[in-house]
């Protein structure tokens, strides 16, 4: 085996680190994409009994977006294994207590049927903001593309660009809205 083939084989089996920005992303749709990288479904050597997945670092989990009334209507179940220990928590309450938990539960649910999902979840690193420890950032080698673009806020657009934008009509100086 030549040196180049040996390097290709090493790269194929190596665990790479990916980063994903969860700003304004639906965690349940994002979980399907993250699952592919955690389980190694994107690699040509994938087999269900082969543990060849990569590490995924999720940042800005505090800024996720749920659809419609999911913040008020979606509930999460938890049981502490004691009698009467079952509890249901609304999504907004859970997100306020721990901003990483909704993304974690979404990815865990997306890996349904995976017998090794508890061990696979150890390679998922979730941070509520973009403050990631330097030793983790040094390992990151690629970025997972967001599923939908993040809209730019109007107050973040420079005033020069707003003034150059074509106007449909100019209001007179003495115009008053009623």
Protein backbone atom coordinates (compact mmCIF):
# COMPACT_ATOMS: atom_id res chain seq x y z
CA UNK A 1 0.00 0.00 0.00
CA UNK A 2 1.42 3.35 -1.02
CA UNK A 3 1.73 6.34 1.28
CA UNK A 4 -1.10 8.16 -0.53
CA UNK A 5 -3.48 5.20 -0.20
CA UNK A 6 -2.58 4.87 3.46
CA UNK A 7 -3.38 8.58 4.02
CA UNK A 8 -6.71 8.23 2.17
CA UNK A 9 -7.64 5.28 4.32
CA UNK A 10 -6.71 7.14 7.49
CA UNK A 11 -8.83 10.15 6.45
CA UNK A 12 -11.78 7.86 5.69
CA UNK A 13 -11.77 6.33 9.17
CA UNK A 14 -10.81 9.49 11.09
CA UNK A 15 -13.40 11.39 13.10
CA UNK A 16 -13.72 14.95 11.85
CA UNK A 17 -15.32 17.84 13.70
CA UNK A 18 -18.17 19.84 12.16
CA UNK A 19 -19.77 23.07 13.40
CA UNK A 20 -23.44 23.99 12.94
CA UNK A 21 -25.00 27.38 13.69
CA UNK A 22 -28.55 26.87 15.02
CA UNK A 23 -29.58 30.53 14.76
CA UNK A 24 -33.20 30.75 13.51
CA UNK A 25 -33.22 27.04 12.61
CA UNK A 26 -35.94 24.52 13.43
CA UNK A 27 -34.26 22.02 15.78
CA UNK A 28 -36.29 19.05 14.50
CA UNK A 29 -35.37 19.61 10.86
CA UNK A 30 -31.78 20.42 11.84
CA UNK A 31 -31.63 17.22 13.89
CA UNK A 32 -32.10 15.13 10.75
CA UNK A 33 -29.08 16.80 9.17
CA UNK A 34 -26.95 16.60 12.33
CA UNK A 35 -27.84 12.91 12.67
CA UNK A 36 -26.15 12.13 9.34
CA UNK A 37 -22.84 13.48 10.59
CA UNK A 38 -23.08 11.94 14.08
CA UNK A 39 -23.82 8.46 12.72
CA UNK A 40 -21.43 8.72 9.76
CA UNK A 41 -24.18 8.36 7.12
CA UNK A 42 -22.26 10.76 4.87
CA UNK A 43 -19.22 8.44 4.70
CA UNK A 44 -18.81 5.72 2.06
CA UNK A 45 -17.81 3.19 4.73
CA UNK A 46 -21.07 3.52 6.71
CA UNK A 47 -22.60 0.39 8.17
CA UNK A 48 -25.24 0.32 10.94
CA UNK A 49 -22.97 -1.73 13.21
CA UNK A 50 -19.87 0.36 12.40
CA UNK A 51 -19.18 3.32 14.69
CA UNK A 52 -17.74 5.75 12.16
CA UNK A 53 -19.57 8.99 13.02
CA UNK A 54 -18.05 12.43 13.49
CA UNK A 55 -18.22 15.09 16.18
CA UNK A 56 -20.73 17.93 15.74
CA UNK A 57 -20.52 21.25 17.59
CA UNK A 58 -23.82 23.16 17.67
CA UNK A 59 -23.60 26.85 18.54
CA UNK A 60 -26.30 29.46 19.28
CA UNK A 61 -28.86 26.93 20.52
CA UNK A 62 -30.42 29.76 22.53
CA UNK A 63 -31.64 31.33 19.25
CA UNK A 64 -33.54 28.38 17.74
CA UNK A 65 -36.92 28.89 16.09
CA UNK A 66 -39.90 26.59 16.55
CA UNK A 67 -42.82 26.55 14.15
CA UNK A 68 -46.16 28.20 14.84
CA UNK A 69 -47.36 27.73 18.42
CA UNK A 70 -44.77 25.08 19.29
CA UNK A 71 -43.27 27.30 22.00
CA UNK A 72 -46.61 27.25 23.84
CA UNK A 73 -48.03 23.85 22.84
CA UNK A 74 -45.10 21.42 22.57
CA UNK A 75 -44.42 19.51 25.78
CA UNK A 76 -41.50 17.37 26.87
CA UNK A 77 -41.81 14.34 29.12
CA UNK A 78 -39.41 13.55 31.94
CA UNK A 79 -39.51 10.83 34.58
CA UNK A 80 -37.10 10.65 37.50
CA UNK A 81 -37.81 6.88 38.04
CA UNK A 82 -39.56 7.49 41.37
CA UNK A 83 -43.27 6.84 41.93
CA UNK A 84 -45.19 9.90 40.78
CA UNK A 85 -42.04 11.34 39.23
CA UNK A 86 -43.50 11.97 35.78
CA UNK A 87 -43.57 15.57 34.62
CA UNK A 88 -44.49 17.43 31.45
CA UNK A 89 -42.65 20.66 30.66
CA UNK A 90 -43.64 23.21 28.01
CA UNK A 91 -41.05 24.08 25.38
CA UNK A 92 -40.57 27.68 26.47
CA UNK A 93 -40.06 26.64 30.10
CA UNK A 94 -37.54 23.96 29.16
CA UNK A 95 -35.69 26.38 26.87
CA UNK A 96 -35.54 29.00 29.63
CA UNK A 97 -34.12 26.46 32.12
CA UNK A 98 -31.59 24.91 29.71
CA UNK A 99 -31.20 26.42 26.20
CA UNK A 100 -29.37 23.34 24.92
CA UNK A 101 -31.97 20.73 25.92
CA UNK A 102 -34.44 21.14 23.01
CA UNK A 103 -31.70 20.60 20.42
CA UNK A 104 -30.35 17.64 22.40
CA UNK A 105 -33.79 16.01 22.64
CA UNK A 106 -34.47 16.65 18.95
CA UNK A 107 -31.24 14.95 17.84
CA UNK A 108 -31.80 12.07 20.27
CA UNK A 109 -35.30 11.53 18.87
CA UNK A 110 -34.08 11.76 15.27
CA UNK A 111 -31.72 8.81 15.89
CA UNK A 112 -34.62 6.49 16.71
CA UNK A 113 -33.73 2.89 15.94
CA UNK A 114 -30.01 3.42 16.42
CA UNK A 115 -28.88 0.94 19.06
CA UNK A 116 -25.81 3.04 19.88
CA UNK A 117 -27.48 6.44 20.11
CA UNK A 118 -26.48 7.02 23.75
CA UNK A 119 -22.81 6.65 22.80
CA UNK A 120 -23.34 8.58 19.58
CA UNK A 121 -24.79 11.51 21.54
CA UNK A 122 -21.47 11.84 23.39
CA UNK A 123 -20.02 13.26 20.17
CA UNK A 124 -22.64 16.06 20.09
CA UNK A 125 -21.42 19.28 21.73
CA UNK A 126 -24.09 21.97 22.19
CA UNK A 127 -23.42 25.54 23.31
CA UNK A 128 -26.13 28.17 23.98
CA UNK A 129 -24.04 31.00 22.50
CA UNK A 130 -21.07 31.27 20.15
CA UNK A 131 -18.66 31.06 23.10
CA UNK A 132 -16.94 27.76 22.37
CA UNK A 133 -13.80 26.67 24.25
CA UNK A 134 -10.62 27.17 22.23
CA UNK A 135 -9.57 23.51 22.44
CA UNK A 136 -12.82 22.45 20.75
CA UNK A 137 -12.58 25.16 18.07
CA UNK A 138 -9.09 23.98 17.14
CA UNK A 139 -10.53 20.58 16.20
CA UNK A 140 -13.30 21.92 13.93
CA UNK A 141 -12.48 21.39 10.27
CA UNK A 142 -15.77 21.90 8.41
CA UNK A 143 -19.11 23.68 8.66
CA UNK A 144 -22.58 22.22 8.15
CA UNK A 145 -24.68 24.51 5.99
CA UNK A 146 -27.80 26.00 7.59
CA UNK A 147 -31.13 24.82 6.25
CA UNK A 148 -32.65 28.27 5.88
CA UNK A 149 -30.96 31.66 5.65
CA UNK A 150 -31.01 33.93 8.67
CA UNK A 151 -32.79 37.20 7.84
CA UNK A 152 -30.88 40.43 8.40
CA UNK A 153 -32.47 42.80 10.88
CA UNK A 154 -33.29 46.26 9.55
CA UNK A 155 -31.34 48.00 12.30
CA UNK A 156 -28.22 46.03 11.30
CA UNK A 157 -28.27 47.32 7.71
CA UNK A 158 -26.01 50.38 7.20
CA UNK A 159 -27.90 53.66 6.71
CA UNK A 160 -26.07 54.33 3.43
CA UNK A 161 -27.47 51.11 1.98
CA UNK A 162 -30.99 51.93 3.20
CA UNK A 163 -30.83 55.42 1.63
CA UNK A 164 -29.62 54.00 -1.71
CA UNK A 165 -32.48 51.50 -1.87
CA UNK A 166 -34.98 52.54 -4.60
CA UNK A 167 -38.12 54.15 -3.24
CA UNK A 168 -41.59 53.63 -4.64
CA UNK A 169 -42.69 57.13 -3.74
CA UNK A 170 -41.44 60.15 -1.83
CA UNK A 171 -43.72 61.58 0.80
CA UNK A 172 -43.94 65.35 1.09
CA UNK A 173 -42.31 66.96 4.12
CA UNK A 174 -45.69 68.03 5.59
CA UNK A 175 -47.23 64.51 5.26
CA UNK A 176 -48.91 63.26 8.47
CA UNK A 177 -50.12 59.69 9.07
CA UNK A 178 -53.63 59.47 10.54
